[in-house]
């Protein structure tokens, strides 16, 4: 093993979380502080999921979060003792405003009222961060993950079909998984990836009654696009009683930016916060665009059956304590979003057994969520597996999204400077909080 490989953190997915960790590692190393070598495995380009090629957007819709919540936000590092101020200052070089200043567009952005950027510009920002941090990027798709010689072994395959193996001391998995998933195979039922492909070609199927399944930001972006097309009615289908707007007051936002208070809340209180402010909610901007369009309606329920009906589709909706209802559409977009445990299929049997032993049973989302420790990895797993997308319940609601990328990178990278006793102490604090609740 070379000196550069003595602590290697591999990140699957080249999005905001990967760039936040890579930029922070670059800053720590430049300040002489402990930092791992960060390698990012990404099948397309940095920020690919924010571009049309990623299948989650057409790149022209706007970011639902303020871009000032960038890779360093909230710029309040507490992990490096006397050097915290130096870390915060150095991270400013990777900020959204620094990106605009370098492009010569900062004054224009301020004068226009600090608008949220289009997804494609956010991708350019992430790529800029990657270049400044000199990120080591492996352009390939992760095909399988195993354990050998005390390290993670990630088998990757490039676009040219050439396979290889990337070894890691620590592994972080990010991203929503595939955007090609669809609940039923039918010409009038589109995955979110197919929807964006066809919308980009102005080739959406002719429709008088369309439905979008999902109540989160993936569905919100699809609706924002769909209402620009010649469709008579659009139904939003979600389990909630209505479509909620993301909470954007100081009180909600502060829980996301600095999750210190999070550990004092009970588990039911935490779930309530996440439900009301993040899962199954639309951004304020999307809600405002939908309010003025009388074609948009909400249907409550979970889709439990999809059946063909000539050129259309019948959806059966189920609500507790009410009879099932059936509704007909001639276009359906499955915009439920990614699956929380999409990455588990990558792990081989040995790796899955290690995770199951640590969790005390089969790998399920609730078990993993409850086991996430202070450094956003599964507590007790011999090889660290950082899963920020599943850290909301145990550690704070901002970790799965863009709300506290600087805090996220602190949590993940601080582990590089902790000895075993310190890591156990941090994990014990987190676990005892979950136990009390």
Protein backbone atom coordinates (compact mmCIF):
# COMPACT_ATOMS: atom_id res chain seq x y z
CA UNK A 1 0.00 0.00 0.00
CA UNK A 2 1.39 3.40 -0.95
CA UNK A 3 1.51 6.31 1.49
CA UNK A 4 -1.33 7.98 -0.40
CA UNK A 5 -3.49 4.91 0.13
CA UNK A 6 -3.14 4.67 3.93
CA UNK A 7 -6.63 6.15 4.37
CA UNK A 8 -8.75 6.14 1.26
CA UNK A 9 -12.36 7.27 1.29
CA UNK A 10 -14.28 6.27 -1.82
CA UNK A 11 -17.56 8.02 -2.60
CA UNK A 12 -20.08 6.45 -4.96
CA UNK A 13 -21.85 9.29 -6.77
CA UNK A 14 -20.36 12.61 -7.88
CA UNK A 15 -22.98 14.98 -6.49
CA UNK A 16 -23.04 17.74 -3.85
CA UNK A 17 -22.21 15.44 -0.92
CA UNK A 18 -19.17 14.02 -2.70
CA UNK A 19 -17.93 17.49 -3.62
CA UNK A 20 -18.49 18.77 -0.07
CA UNK A 21 -16.38 15.95 1.34
CA UNK A 22 -13.71 16.29 -1.35
CA UNK A 23 -13.42 20.08 -0.87
CA UNK A 24 -13.21 19.75 2.92
CA UNK A 25 -10.56 17.00 2.62
CA UNK A 26 -8.57 19.26 0.29
CA UNK A 27 -8.78 22.11 2.81
CA UNK A 28 -7.79 19.92 5.77
CA UNK A 29 -4.78 18.54 3.91
CA UNK A 30 -3.68 22.06 2.91
CA UNK A 31 -3.83 23.07 6.58
CA UNK A 32 -1.79 20.05 7.67
CA UNK A 33 -4.78 18.39 9.37
CA UNK A 34 -5.63 14.67 9.03
CA UNK A 35 -7.56 13.97 5.83
CA UNK A 36 -8.15 10.87 3.73
CA UNK A 37 -7.50 10.60 0.04
CA UNK A 38 -10.94 11.00 -1.57
CA UNK A 39 -11.86 9.14 -4.75
CA UNK A 40 -15.24 9.63 -6.42
CA UNK A 41 -16.83 6.96 -8.60
CA UNK A 42 -19.24 8.59 -11.04
CA UNK A 43 -20.58 6.99 -14.27
CA UNK A 44 -21.00 10.23 -16.25
CA UNK A 45 -19.75 13.60 -15.01
CA UNK A 46 -19.64 15.43 -11.70
CA UNK A 47 -23.13 16.74 -11.00
CA UNK A 48 -24.56 14.30 -13.55
CA UNK A 49 -27.92 13.91 -11.79
CA UNK A 50 -28.50 17.65 -12.21
CA UNK A 51 -28.12 17.35 -15.98
CA UNK A 52 -30.51 15.86 -18.58
CA UNK A 53 -28.23 12.84 -19.01
CA UNK A 54 -28.78 11.87 -15.36
CA UNK A 55 -32.47 11.13 -15.86
CA UNK A 56 -33.76 13.18 -12.91
CA UNK A 57 -34.23 16.55 -14.60
CA UNK A 58 -33.99 18.35 -17.92
CA UNK A 59 -31.46 20.71 -16.35
CA UNK A 60 -33.67 23.76 -16.88
CA UNK A 61 -35.74 23.61 -13.70
CA UNK A 62 -34.61 25.54 -10.67
CA UNK A 63 -32.97 24.34 -7.49
CA UNK A 64 -35.46 23.98 -4.64
CA UNK A 65 -32.86 25.02 -2.02
CA UNK A 66 -30.98 28.30 -1.80
CA UNK A 67 -27.61 27.93 -3.59
CA UNK A 68 -25.99 29.72 -0.65
CA UNK A 69 -26.43 26.39 1.14
CA UNK A 70 -23.38 25.29 -0.82
CA UNK A 71 -20.65 22.71 -0.17
CA UNK A 72 -19.36 24.61 2.88
CA UNK A 73 -22.62 25.68 4.51
CA UNK A 74 -23.13 26.44 7.39
CA UNK A 75 -19.41 27.35 7.69
CA UNK A 76 -19.45 26.50 11.37
CA UNK A 77 -16.89 23.76 11.75
CA UNK A 78 -16.51 22.43 15.28
CA UNK A 79 -14.40 19.36 14.53
CA UNK A 80 -10.89 20.81 14.41
CA UNK A 81 -10.34 22.53 17.74
CA UNK A 82 -8.10 25.58 17.39
CA UNK A 83 -8.16 25.37 13.58
CA UNK A 84 -11.92 25.68 13.04
CA UNK A 85 -11.70 29.33 11.98
CA UNK A 86 -8.98 28.45 9.47
CA UNK A 87 -11.10 25.63 8.04
CA UNK A 88 -14.16 27.90 7.69
CA UNK A 89 -12.13 30.62 6.00
CA UNK A 90 -10.48 28.21 3.56
CA UNK A 91 -13.83 26.65 2.63
CA UNK A 92 -15.04 30.08 1.47
CA UNK A 93 -12.92 29.55 -1.65
CA UNK A 94 -15.41 26.81 -2.65
CA UNK A 95 -18.58 28.81 -1.97
CA UNK A 96 -21.38 29.56 -4.40
CA UNK A 97 -20.55 33.27 -4.26
CA UNK A 98 -16.88 32.58 -5.04
CA UNK A 99 -18.03 30.57 -8.05
CA UNK A 100 -20.12 33.52 -9.29
CA UNK A 101 -17.32 36.01 -8.63
CA UNK A 102 -14.93 33.91 -10.70
CA UNK A 103 -17.53 33.77 -13.52
CA UNK A 104 -18.10 37.53 -13.30
CA UNK A 105 -21.83 37.12 -12.58
CA UNK A 106 -22.03 37.82 -8.84
CA UNK A 107 -23.37 41.39 -9.11
CA UNK A 108 -25.98 40.33 -11.67
CA UNK A 109 -27.14 37.48 -9.41
CA UNK A 110 -27.52 39.86 -6.44
CA UNK A 111 -29.30 42.50 -8.54
CA UNK A 112 -31.76 39.89 -9.80
CA UNK A 113 -32.73 39.02 -6.23
CA UNK A 114 -30.46 35.99 -5.65
CA UNK A 115 -32.59 33.56 -7.69
CA UNK A 116 -32.18 29.81 -7.36
CA UNK A 117 -30.07 28.56 -10.28
CA UNK A 118 -31.22 26.13 -12.91
CA UNK A 119 -30.09 22.57 -12.29
CA UNK A 120 -27.53 22.71 -15.11
CA UNK A 121 -25.83 25.74 -13.52
CA UNK A 122 -25.75 23.96 -10.16
CA UNK A 123 -23.99 21.08 -11.94
CA UNK A 124 -21.43 23.54 -13.31
CA UNK A 125 -20.85 24.81 -9.77
CA UNK A 126 -20.21 21.26 -8.54
CA UNK A 127 -17.82 20.64 -11.42
CA UNK A 128 -15.99 23.87 -10.54
CA UNK A 129 -15.63 22.67 -6.94
CA UNK A 130 -14.26 19.37 -8.19
CA UNK A 131 -11.62 21.09 -10.31
CA UNK A 132 -10.55 23.43 -7.50
CA UNK A 133 -10.25 20.52 -5.10
CA UNK A 134 -8.40 18.39 -7.68
CA UNK A 135 -10.81 15.53 -7.01
CA UNK A 136 -9.73 12.05 -8.07
CA UNK A 137 -12.65 10.87 -10.25
CA UNK A 138 -13.10 7.36 -11.60
CA UNK A 139 -15.50 7.64 -14.52
CA UNK A 140 -17.25 4.31 -14.23
CA UNK A 141 -20.28 2.61 -12.76
CA UNK A 142 -20.03 0.67 -9.50
CA UNK A 143 -21.14 -2.88 -10.28
CA UNK A 144 -20.45 -4.75 -7.04
CA UNK A 145 -18.97 -4.24 -3.59
CA UNK A 146 -17.11 -6.83 -1.52
CA UNK A 147 -14.56 -7.11 1.28
CA UNK A 148 -11.02 -8.38 0.89
CA UNK A 149 -7.87 -7.93 3.00
CA UNK A 150 -9.69 -5.64 5.42
CA UNK A 151 -10.82 -3.14 2.77
CA UNK A 152 -13.86 -2.48 0.65
CA UNK A 153 -13.38 -3.67 -2.91
CA UNK A 154 -15.57 -1.86 -5.44
CA UNK A 155 -15.75 -3.44 -8.89
CA UNK A 156 -16.36 -0.79 -11.53
CA UNK A 157 -17.05 -0.86 -15.26
CA UNK A 158 -16.34 2.10 -17.51
CA UNK A 159 -18.36 3.26 -20.50
CA UNK A 160 -15.90 1.39 -22.73
CA UNK A 161 -16.70 -1.88 -20.92
CA UNK A 162 -13.31 -2.08 -19.22
CA UNK A 163 -13.63 -3.40 -15.64
CA UNK A 164 -11.46 -2.57 -12.66
CA UNK A 165 -11.39 -2.60 -8.86
CA UNK A 166 -11.15 0.40 -6.53
CA UNK A 167 -10.07 -0.36 -2.95
CA UNK A 168 -11.30 1.72 -0.03
CA UNK A 169 -10.69 1.93 3.70
CA UNK A 170 -13.98 3.78 4.03
CA UNK A 171 -16.96 3.96 1.70
CA UNK A 172 -19.66 6.60 1.32
CA UNK A 173 -22.73 5.96 -0.82
CA UNK A 174 -24.76 8.90 -2.17
CA UNK A 175 -27.42 9.50 -4.77
CA UNK A 176 -30.97 8.25 -5.36
CA UNK A 177 -30.17 5.23 -7.51
CA UNK A 178 -31.73 4.56 -10.90
CA UNK A 179 -34.26 6.96 -12.42
CA UNK A 180 -35.51 4.28 -14.85
CA UNK A 181 -37.62 2.43 -12.30
CA UNK A 182 -41.34 2.30 -12.99
CA UNK A 183 -44.15 0.60 -11.07
CA UNK A 184 -45.72 -1.00 -14.16
CA UNK A 185 -44.69 -1.66 -17.74
CA UNK A 186 -47.17 0.12 -19.97
CA UNK A 187 -46.67 2.54 -22.89
CA UNK A 188 -48.57 5.26 -21.03
CA UNK A 189 -46.67 4.83 -17.73
CA UNK A 190 -43.34 6.65 -17.80
CA UNK A 191 -40.41 6.49 -15.40
CA UNK A 192 -39.03 9.86 -14.38
CA UNK A 193 -36.05 9.28 -16.70
CA UNK A 194 -38.28 8.49 -19.68
CA UNK A 195 -40.47 11.48 -18.88
CA UNK A 196 -37.53 13.86 -19.04
CA UNK A 197 -36.14 12.22 -22.17
CA UNK A 198 -39.43 12.58 -23.99
CA UNK A 199 -40.19 16.05 -22.62
CA UNK A 200 -36.79 17.18 -23.88
CA UNK A 201 -37.67 15.92 -27.36
CA UNK A 202 -41.20 17.43 -27.18
CA UNK A 203 -42.37 13.84 -27.59
CA UNK A 204 -44.67 13.27 -24.62
CA UNK A 205 -47.65 11.03 -25.43
CA UNK A 206 -50.82 12.93 -26.27
CA UNK A 207 -52.90 13.26 -23.12
CA UNK A 208 -56.08 14.81 -21.79
CA UNK A 209 -55.83 13.42 -18.25
CA UNK A 210 -52.38 12.95 -16.75
CA UNK A 211 -51.22 11.81 -13.33
CA UNK A 212 -47.97 12.33 -11.44
CA UNK A 213 -47.37 9.83 -8.64
CA UNK A 214 -45.33 11.27 -5.77
CA UNK A 215 -45.39 14.17 -3.38
CA UNK A 216 -41.71 15.14 -3.21
CA UNK A 217 -39.44 17.40 -5.20
CA UNK A 218 -38.99 14.81 -7.98
CA UNK A 219 -42.75 14.95 -8.57
CA UNK A 220 -42.75 18.71 -8.14
CA UNK A 221 -40.24 19.23 -10.94
CA UNK A 222 -42.20 16.88 -13.21
CA UNK A 223 -45.40 18.82 -12.51
CA UNK A 224 -43.64 22.11 -13.13
CA UNK A 225 -42.77 20.79 -16.59
CA UNK A 226 -46.06 19.03 -17.30
CA UNK A 227 -48.20 22.14 -16.85
CA UNK A 228 -46.28 23.73 -19.72
CA UNK A 229 -47.80 21.15 -22.08
CA UNK A 230 -51.26 20.99 -23.64
CA UNK A 231 -52.98 18.72 -21.10
CA UNK A 232 -56.54 19.22 -19.81
CA UNK A 233 -56.10 17.98 -16.23
CA UNK A 234 -53.16 16.91 -14.08
CA UNK A 235 -53.67 14.89 -10.90
CA UNK A 236 -50.99 14.67 -8.20
CA UNK A 237 -51.24 11.35 -6.34
CA UNK A 238 -49.67 11.03 -2.89
CA UNK A 239 -50.55 9.43 0.48
CA UNK A 240 -50.85 12.74 2.31
CA UNK A 241 -54.12 14.57 2.86
CA UNK A 242 -52.82 17.35 0.63
CA UNK A 243 -49.62 18.57 -1.02
CA UNK A 244 -47.59 20.31 1.64
CA UNK A 245 -45.19 23.18 1.13
CA UNK A 246 -41.66 22.78 2.44
CA UNK A 247 -41.22 24.59 5.74
CA UNK A 248 -38.93 27.58 5.17
CA UNK A 249 -39.14 29.53 8.42
CA UNK A 250 -36.13 30.08 10.67
CA UNK A 251 -37.34 27.44 13.11
CA UNK A 252 -37.51 24.64 10.54
CA UNK A 253 -34.36 25.72 8.72
CA UNK A 254 -32.29 25.88 11.89
CA UNK A 255 -32.92 22.18 12.57
CA UNK A 256 -31.50 21.44 9.13
CA UNK A 257 -28.52 23.79 9.25
CA UNK A 258 -27.28 23.03 12.76
CA UNK A 259 -28.78 19.78 14.06
CA UNK A 260 -27.55 20.24 17.65
CA UNK A 261 -31.14 20.28 18.97
CA UNK A 262 -32.01 17.15 17.00
CA UNK A 263 -30.67 14.78 19.65
CA UNK A 264 -33.04 16.24 22.25
CA UNK A 265 -36.14 15.34 20.22
CA UNK A 266 -38.00 12.05 20.58
CA UNK A 267 -38.19 9.70 17.60
CA UNK A 268 -41.88 10.56 16.94
CA UNK A 269 -40.98 14.27 17.03
CA UNK A 270 -38.12 13.70 14.59
CA UNK A 271 -40.35 11.76 12.20
CA UNK A 272 -42.93 14.53 12.36
CA UNK A 273 -40.35 17.19 11.48
CA UNK A 274 -39.09 15.19 8.49
CA UNK A 275 -42.63 14.45 7.30
CA UNK A 276 -43.73 18.08 7.52
CA UNK A 277 -40.64 19.70 6.04
CA UNK A 278 -38.87 17.31 3.68
CA UNK A 279 -40.61 14.10 2.62
CA UNK A 280 -43.66 14.48 0.43
CA UNK A 281 -43.41 18.27 0.16
CA UNK A 282 -42.95 20.71 -2.70
CA UNK A 283 -40.69 23.73 -2.63
CA UNK A 284 -42.34 27.11 -2.19
CA UNK A 285 -41.44 28.06 -5.77
CA UNK A 286 -43.12 24.97 -7.28
CA UNK A 287 -46.21 25.44 -5.12
CA UNK A 288 -46.53 29.03 -6.29
CA UNK A 289 -46.38 27.99 -9.95
CA UNK A 290 -49.07 25.34 -9.38
CA UNK A 291 -51.45 27.60 -7.45
CA UNK A 292 -52.31 29.60 -10.54
CA UNK A 293 -53.06 26.53 -12.67
CA UNK A 294 -56.62 25.29 -12.23
CA UNK A 295 -55.81 22.10 -14.17
CA UNK A 296 -53.85 20.70 -11.21
CA UNK A 297 -55.64 18.63 -8.56
CA UNK A 298 -54.62 16.30 -5.73
CA UNK A 299 -55.75 12.71 -5.18
CA UNK A 300 -54.93 11.07 -1.87
CA UNK A 301 -53.83 7.46 -1.69
CA UNK A 302 -51.16 4.88 -2.41
CA UNK A 303 -51.17 3.25 -5.83
CA UNK A 304 -51.65 -0.48 -5.20
CA UNK A 305 -52.56 -1.65 -8.70
CA UNK A 306 -51.94 -0.53 -12.28
CA UNK A 307 -53.96 -2.07 -15.10
CA UNK A 308 -54.20 -1.31 -18.79
CA UNK A 309 -57.47 -0.02 -20.19
CA UNK A 310 -57.21 0.21 -23.95
CA UNK A 311 -55.04 3.24 -24.65
CA UNK A 312 -55.24 4.32 -21.03
CA UNK A 313 -54.28 3.21 -17.54
CA UNK A 314 -56.38 2.48 -14.45
CA UNK A 315 -54.81 3.24 -11.08
CA UNK A 316 -56.24 1.77 -7.87
CA UNK A 317 -55.71 4.07 -4.89
CA UNK A 318 -55.82 2.83 -1.32
CA UNK A 319 -56.49 4.87 1.80
CA UNK A 320 -56.81 3.53 5.32
CA UNK A 321 -60.42 3.13 6.51
CA UNK A 322 -61.82 3.88 3.04
CA UNK A 323 -62.76 1.67 0.10
CA UNK A 324 -60.24 1.47 -2.75
CA UNK A 325 -60.87 3.91 -5.57
CA UNK A 326 -60.05 3.53 -9.26
CA UNK A 327 -59.11 6.40 -11.55
CA UNK A 328 -58.36 6.40 -15.27
CA UNK A 329 -55.59 8.32 -17.02
CA UNK A 330 -54.03 8.39 -20.45
CA UNK A 331 -50.56 9.39 -19.13
CA UNK A 332 -48.92 8.46 -15.81
CA UNK A 333 -45.51 9.61 -14.58
CA UNK A 334 -43.94 7.54 -11.78
CA UNK A 335 -42.14 10.27 -9.82
CA UNK A 336 -41.96 8.54 -6.44
CA UNK A 337 -38.19 9.05 -6.40
CA UNK A 338 -35.25 6.85 -5.51
CA UNK A 339 -35.33 3.85 -3.18
CA UNK A 340 -33.49 4.41 0.12
CA UNK A 341 -31.66 1.06 -0.03
CA UNK A 342 -31.01 0.96 -3.80
CA UNK A 343 -27.29 0.35 -3.19
CA UNK A 344 -27.72 -2.86 -1.18
CA UNK A 345 -27.97 -4.85 -4.41
CA UNK A 346 -24.33 -3.93 -5.07
CA UNK A 347 -23.02 -5.69 -1.96
CA UNK A 348 -21.98 -9.33 -2.24
CA UNK A 349 -23.15 -12.00 0.22
CA UNK A 350 -20.18 -11.63 2.56
CA UNK A 351 -20.60 -7.86 2.81
CA UNK A 352 -24.35 -8.20 3.38
CA UNK A 353 -23.71 -10.72 6.15
CA UNK A 354 -21.37 -8.26 7.86
CA UNK A 355 -24.02 -5.53 7.70
CA UNK A 356 -26.78 -7.88 8.92
CA UNK A 357 -24.66 -8.99 11.88
CA UNK A 358 -24.13 -5.36 12.80
CA UNK A 359 -27.83 -4.50 12.44
CA UNK A 360 -28.99 -7.61 14.29
CA UNK A 361 -31.25 -8.76 11.48
CA UNK A 362 -32.12 -8.38 7.79
CA UNK A 363 -31.14 -5.12 6.11
CA UNK A 364 -34.17 -2.81 6.23
CA UNK A 365 -34.42 0.97 6.02
CA UNK A 366 -35.65 1.36 9.64
CA UNK A 367 -32.78 -0.78 10.98
CA UNK A 368 -30.17 1.15 8.99
CA UNK A 369 -31.65 4.53 9.94
CA UNK A 370 -31.52 3.66 13.64
CA UNK A 371 -27.89 2.47 13.37
CA UNK A 372 -26.37 5.61 11.80
CA UNK A 373 -23.76 7.10 14.12
CA UNK A 374 -22.22 10.53 14.59
CA UNK A 375 -19.93 10.16 11.55
CA UNK A 376 -22.97 9.13 9.42
CA UNK A 377 -21.72 5.54 9.19
CA UNK A 378 -23.29 2.33 10.52
CA UNK A 379 -22.21 1.98 14.13
CA UNK A 380 -20.26 -1.18 14.90
CA UNK A 381 -19.47 -2.12 11.30
CA UNK A 382 -15.74 -3.02 11.14
CA UNK A 383 -15.34 -1.15 7.85
CA UNK A 384 -16.95 2.25 7.85
CA UNK A 385 -19.91 2.67 5.52
CA UNK A 386 -21.13 6.29 5.48
CA UNK A 387 -24.79 6.64 4.46
CA UNK A 388 -25.81 10.31 4.74
CA UNK A 389 -29.02 9.73 2.78
CA UNK A 390 -30.27 7.55 5.64
CA UNK A 391 -29.02 9.76 8.47
CA UNK A 392 -32.05 12.01 8.95
CA UNK A 393 -33.72 10.12 11.80
CA UNK A 394 -30.63 9.51 13.92
CA UNK A 395 -28.48 12.56 13.19
CA UNK A 396 -30.47 15.37 11.59
CA UNK A 397 -32.86 16.12 8.70
CA UNK A 398 -30.34 18.10 6.67
CA UNK A 399 -27.90 15.28 5.94
CA UNK A 400 -29.88 13.55 3.14
CA UNK A 401 -30.31 16.83 1.20
CA UNK A 402 -28.45 20.08 0.53
CA UNK A 403 -29.14 21.74 3.87
CA UNK A 404 -25.86 21.24 5.77
CA UNK A 405 -23.18 19.97 3.41
CA UNK A 406 -20.42 21.55 5.50
CA UNK A 407 -21.62 19.79 8.64
CA UNK A 408 -21.90 16.55 6.66
CA UNK A 409 -18.29 16.76 5.52
CA UNK A 410 -17.17 17.53 9.08
CA UNK A 411 -18.96 14.45 10.40
CA UNK A 412 -17.54 12.13 7.73
CA UNK A 413 -14.00 13.48 7.74
CA UNK A 414 -13.57 13.99 11.47
CA UNK A 415 -13.38 10.20 11.69
CA UNK A 416 -9.97 10.46 10.01
CA UNK A 417 -8.63 12.33 13.03
CA UNK A 418 -10.32 10.32 15.77
CA UNK A 419 -8.78 7.42 17.59
CA UNK A 420 -10.96 4.40 18.41
CA UNK A 421 -11.83 5.68 21.88
CA UNK A 422 -12.99 9.04 20.55
CA UNK A 423 -15.08 7.42 17.83
CA UNK A 424 -16.73 5.11 20.36
CA UNK A 425 -17.51 8.12 22.57
CA UNK A 426 -19.15 9.99 19.67
CA UNK A 427 -21.12 6.92 18.66
CA UNK A 428 -22.21 6.33 22.28
CA UNK A 429 -23.56 9.87 22.51
CA UNK A 430 -25.61 9.36 19.34
CA UNK A 431 -26.83 5.89 20.35
CA UNK A 432 -27.81 6.94 23.86
CA UNK A 433 -29.89 9.74 22.34
CA UNK A 434 -31.79 7.23 20.20
CA UNK A 435 -32.22 4.95 23.23
CA UNK A 436 -33.73 7.73 25.36
CA UNK A 437 -36.25 8.47 22.64
